[in-house]
Amino acid sequence: MPANKKASQKLKTVKPSGKREESFFELVYEVARQIPKGRVTSYGAIAACLGTKLSARMVGWAMNGAGRVKPKVPAHRVVNRLGILSGKHHFKPAGSMEKLLKKEGIKVKNDTIVDFEKLFWDPVKELGF
């Protein structure tokens, strides 16, 4: 695939019907599914990976609905640009976002990822965009 193609074009998937899935939310979910256990990324980093770096809030909306999507999306690994668990209120029961992160070995203090810069997974770099 030519290097000048946008990330969203690289991430398009083909459904069993043969149709291409072009939903922004589906592209967000596809990137989020690639975040390794024990790592985190930000809404803005996912938006930048998809070539729409001003769409961090839309990525947040996508993550809000991720709990109803199959295959599962590790939405708990997506935080704001400062490493704050800004989406924690969308996880039920209360405290489950932090619990999921701690289960993966990620330390959280005062709703913020400890060593955020060290644990940050940049999809632009990691996926080669």
C-alpha atoms as a PDB file:
ATOM      1  CA  MET A   1       0.000   0.000   0.000  1.00  0.00           C
ATOM      2  CA  PRO A   2       1.484   3.412  -0.919  1.00  0.00           C
ATOM      3  CA  ALA A   3       2.895   5.357   2.029  1.00  0.00           C
ATOM      4  CA  ASN A   4       0.765   8.413   1.229  1.00  0.00           C
ATOM      5  CA  LYS A   5      -2.524   6.664   2.033  1.00  0.00           C
ATOM      6  CA  LYS A   6      -4.321   7.953   5.128  1.00  0.00           C
ATOM      7  CA  ALA A   7      -4.448   5.770   8.233  1.00  0.00           C
ATOM      8  CA  SER A   8      -8.207   5.402   7.870  1.00  0.00           C
ATOM      9  CA  GLN A   9      -7.665   3.859   4.445  1.00  0.00           C
ATOM     10  CA  LYS A  10      -5.111   1.423   5.853  1.00  0.00           C
ATOM     11  CA  LEU A  11      -7.444   0.366   8.661  1.00  0.00           C
ATOM     12  CA  LYS A  12     -10.552  -0.321   6.587  1.00  0.00           C
ATOM     13  CA  THR A  13     -11.804  -3.821   7.067  1.00  0.00           C
ATOM     14  CA  VAL A  14     -13.710  -6.104   4.771  1.00  0.00           C
ATOM     15  CA  LYS A  15     -16.870  -7.651   6.209  1.00  0.00           C
ATOM     16  CA  PRO A  16     -17.974 -11.224   5.362  1.00  0.00           C
ATOM     17  CA  SER A  17     -20.466  -9.675   2.935  1.00  0.00           C
ATOM     18  CA  GLY A  18     -17.507  -8.206   1.016  1.00  0.00           C
ATOM     19  CA  LYS A  19     -18.522  -4.634   1.879  1.00  0.00           C
ATOM     20  CA  ARG A  20     -15.959  -2.213   3.240  1.00  0.00           C
ATOM     21  CA  GLU A  21     -16.645  -0.799   6.705  1.00  0.00           C
ATOM     22  CA  GLU A  22     -15.995   2.919   6.722  1.00  0.00           C
ATOM     23  CA  SER A  23     -17.615   3.975   9.989  1.00  0.00           C
ATOM     24  CA  PHE A  24     -15.412   6.356  11.991  1.00  0.00           C
ATOM     25  CA  PHE A  25     -16.382   4.544  15.190  1.00  0.00           C
ATOM     26  CA  GLU A  26     -15.366   1.183  13.701  1.00  0.00           C
ATOM     27  CA  LEU A  27     -11.975   2.618  12.736  1.00  0.00           C
ATOM     28  CA  VAL A  28     -11.567   3.932  16.294  1.00  0.00           C
ATOM     29  CA  TYR A  29     -12.414   0.498  17.687  1.00  0.00           C
ATOM     30  CA  GLU A  30      -9.948  -1.167  15.342  1.00  0.00           C
ATOM     31  CA  VAL A  31      -7.121   1.071  16.580  1.00  0.00           C
ATOM     32  CA  ALA A  32      -8.143   0.625  20.233  1.00  0.00           C
ATOM     33  CA  ARG A  33      -8.137  -3.169  19.878  1.00  0.00           C
ATOM     34  CA  GLN A  34      -4.446  -2.970  19.010  1.00  0.00           C
ATOM     35  CA  ILE A  35      -3.407  -1.249  22.257  1.00  0.00           C
ATOM     36  CA  PRO A  36      -1.276  -3.831  24.087  1.00  0.00           C
ATOM     37  CA  LYS A  37      -2.150  -4.938  27.613  1.00  0.00           C
ATOM     38  CA  GLY A  38      -0.304  -2.810  30.141  1.00  0.00           C
ATOM     39  CA  ARG A  39      -0.205   0.222  27.823  1.00  0.00           C
ATOM     40  CA  VAL A  40      -2.509   3.226  27.356  1.00  0.00           C
ATOM     41  CA  THR A  41      -3.180   5.819  24.688  1.00  0.00           C
ATOM     42  CA  SER A  42      -5.197   9.009  24.406  1.00  0.00           C
ATOM     43  CA  TYR A  43      -8.305  10.024  22.523  1.00  0.00           C
ATOM     44  CA  GLY A  44      -6.216  12.537  20.578  1.00  0.00           C
ATOM     45  CA  ALA A  45      -3.584   9.954  19.626  1.00  0.00           C
ATOM     46  CA  ILE A  46      -6.260   7.727  18.113  1.00  0.00           C
ATOM     47  CA  ALA A  47      -7.751  10.712  16.276  1.00  0.00           C
ATOM     48  CA  ALA A  48      -4.297  11.651  14.916  1.00  0.00           C
ATOM     49  CA  CYS A  49      -3.746   8.068  13.775  1.00  0.00           C
ATOM     50  CA  LEU A  50      -6.958   8.267  11.767  1.00  0.00           C
ATOM     51  CA  GLY A  51      -5.875  11.538  10.153  1.00  0.00           C
ATOM     52  CA  THR A  52      -8.410  13.628  12.090  1.00  0.00           C
ATOM     53  CA  LYS A  53      -6.383  14.995  15.002  1.00  0.00           C
ATOM     54  CA  LEU A  54      -9.079  17.536  15.870  1.00  0.00           C
ATOM     55  CA  SER A  55     -11.593  14.737  16.488  1.00  0.00           C
ATOM     56  CA  ALA A  56     -10.509  13.602  19.955  1.00  0.00           C
ATOM     57  CA  ARG A  57     -14.010  14.245  21.316  1.00  0.00           C
ATOM     58  CA  MET A  58     -15.512  12.012  18.615  1.00  0.00           C
ATOM     59  CA  VAL A  59     -13.089   9.283  19.673  1.00  0.00           C
ATOM     60  CA  GLY A  60     -14.431   9.801  23.201  1.00  0.00           C
ATOM     61  CA  TRP A  61     -17.992   9.327  21.941  1.00  0.00           C
ATOM     62  CA  ALA A  62     -16.909   6.134  20.212  1.00  0.00           C
ATOM     63  CA  MET A  63     -15.311   4.858  23.429  1.00  0.00           C
ATOM     64  CA  ASN A  64     -18.528   5.667  25.282  1.00  0.00           C
ATOM     65  CA  GLY A  65     -20.342   3.139  23.097  1.00  0.00           C
ATOM     66  CA  ALA A  66     -17.543   0.577  23.016  1.00  0.00           C
ATOM     67  CA  GLY A  67     -19.074  -1.579  25.748  1.00  0.00           C
ATOM     68  CA  ARG A  68     -21.782  -2.748  23.351  1.00  0.00           C
ATOM     69  CA  VAL A  69     -19.411  -3.661  20.503  1.00  0.00           C
ATOM     70  CA  LYS A  70     -18.189  -7.109  19.457  1.00  0.00           C
ATOM     71  CA  PRO A  71     -15.410  -8.065  19.333  1.00  0.00           C
ATOM     72  CA  LYS A  72     -14.577  -6.363  22.625  1.00  0.00           C
ATOM     73  CA  VAL A  73     -12.815  -3.003  22.670  1.00  0.00           C
ATOM     74  CA  PRO A  74     -10.381  -2.278  25.536  1.00  0.00           C
ATOM     75  CA  ALA A  75     -11.806   1.200  26.148  1.00  0.00           C
ATOM     76  CA  HIS A  76     -10.241   1.275  29.616  1.00  0.00           C
ATOM     77  CA  ARG A  77      -6.841   1.754  27.918  1.00  0.00           C
ATOM     78  CA  VAL A  78      -7.914   5.087  26.383  1.00  0.00           C
ATOM     79  CA  VAL A  79      -7.495   8.165  28.585  1.00  0.00           C
ATOM     80  CA  ASN A  80      -7.134  11.895  28.065  1.00  0.00           C
ATOM     81  CA  ARG A  81      -3.908  13.601  26.955  1.00  0.00           C
ATOM     82  CA  LEU A  82      -2.761  14.047  30.567  1.00  0.00           C
ATOM     83  CA  GLY A  83      -3.323  10.418  31.517  1.00  0.00           C
ATOM     84  CA  ILE A  84      -6.481  11.171  33.488  1.00  0.00           C
ATOM     85  CA  LEU A  85      -9.291   8.594  33.533  1.00  0.00           C
ATOM     86  CA  SER A  86     -11.741  11.099  32.082  1.00  0.00           C
ATOM     87  CA  GLY A  87     -14.065   8.369  30.799  1.00  0.00           C
ATOM     88  CA  LYS A  88     -14.302   6.502  34.107  1.00  0.00           C
ATOM     89  CA  HIS A  89     -17.914   7.569  34.663  1.00  0.00           C
ATOM     90  CA  HIS A  90     -19.003   5.467  31.687  1.00  0.00           C
ATOM     91  CA  PHE A  91     -17.773   2.228  33.274  1.00  0.00           C
ATOM     92  CA  LYS A  92     -20.197   0.326  35.471  1.00  0.00           C
ATOM     93  CA  PRO A  93     -19.897  -0.435  38.295  1.00  0.00           C
ATOM     94  CA  ALA A  94     -18.029   2.617  39.544  1.00  0.00           C
ATOM     95  CA  GLY A  95     -14.277   2.068  39.730  1.00  0.00           C
ATOM     96  CA  SER A  96     -14.156  -0.646  37.071  1.00  0.00           C
ATOM     97  CA  MET A  97     -11.988   1.346  34.642  1.00  0.00           C
ATOM     98  CA  GLU A  98      -9.298   1.700  37.304  1.00  0.00           C
ATOM     99  CA  LYS A  99      -9.716  -1.937  38.322  1.00  0.00           C
ATOM    100  CA  LEU A 100      -9.209  -3.125  34.735  1.00  0.00           C
ATOM    101  CA  LEU A 101      -6.076  -0.995  34.379  1.00  0.00           C
ATOM    102  CA  LYS A 102      -4.644  -2.242  37.688  1.00  0.00           C
ATOM    103  CA  LYS A 103      -5.333  -5.831  36.601  1.00  0.00           C
ATOM    104  CA  GLU A 104      -2.974  -5.150  33.658  1.00  0.00           C
ATOM    105  CA  GLY A 105      -0.282  -3.794  35.985  1.00  0.00           C
ATOM    106  CA  ILE A 106      -1.001  -0.106  35.377  1.00  0.00           C
ATOM    107  CA  LYS A 107      -0.816   2.016  38.503  1.00  0.00           C
ATOM    108  CA  VAL A 108      -3.434   4.716  39.005  1.00  0.00           C
ATOM    109  CA  LYS A 109      -3.262   7.475  41.581  1.00  0.00           C
ATOM    110  CA  ASN A 110      -5.957  10.156  41.989  1.00  0.00           C
ATOM    111  CA  ASP A 111      -7.612   9.013  38.740  1.00  0.00           C
ATOM    112  CA  THR A 112      -4.356   9.534  36.809  1.00  0.00           C
ATOM    113  CA  ILE A 113      -2.055   6.962  35.193  1.00  0.00           C
ATOM    114  CA  VAL A 114       1.272   6.767  37.059  1.00  0.00           C
ATOM    115  CA  ASP A 115       4.193   6.972  34.569  1.00  0.00           C
ATOM    116  CA  PHE A 116       1.796   7.918  31.776  1.00  0.00           C
ATOM    117  CA  GLU A 117       4.606   8.976  29.410  1.00  0.00           C
ATOM    118  CA  LYS A 118       6.365   5.635  29.886  1.00  0.00           C
ATOM    119  CA  LEU A 119       3.184   3.601  29.310  1.00  0.00           C
ATOM    120  CA  PHE A 120       1.885   5.744  26.454  1.00  0.00           C
ATOM    121  CA  TRP A 121       1.266   3.781  23.252  1.00  0.00           C
ATOM    122  CA  ASP A 122       1.338   6.044  20.199  1.00  0.00           C
ATOM    123  CA  PRO A 123      -0.627   4.407  17.380  1.00  0.00           C
ATOM    124  CA  VAL A 124       0.963   6.674  14.772  1.00  0.00           C
ATOM    125  CA  LYS A 125       4.422   5.316  15.657  1.00  0.00           C
ATOM    126  CA  GLU A 126       3.429   1.786  16.611  1.00  0.00           C
ATOM    127  CA  LEU A 127       1.251   1.151  13.567  1.00  0.00           C
ATOM    128  CA  GLY A 128       3.652   2.859  11.166  1.00  0.00           C
ATOM    129  CA  PHE A 129       1.566   5.813  10.020  1.00  0.00           C
END
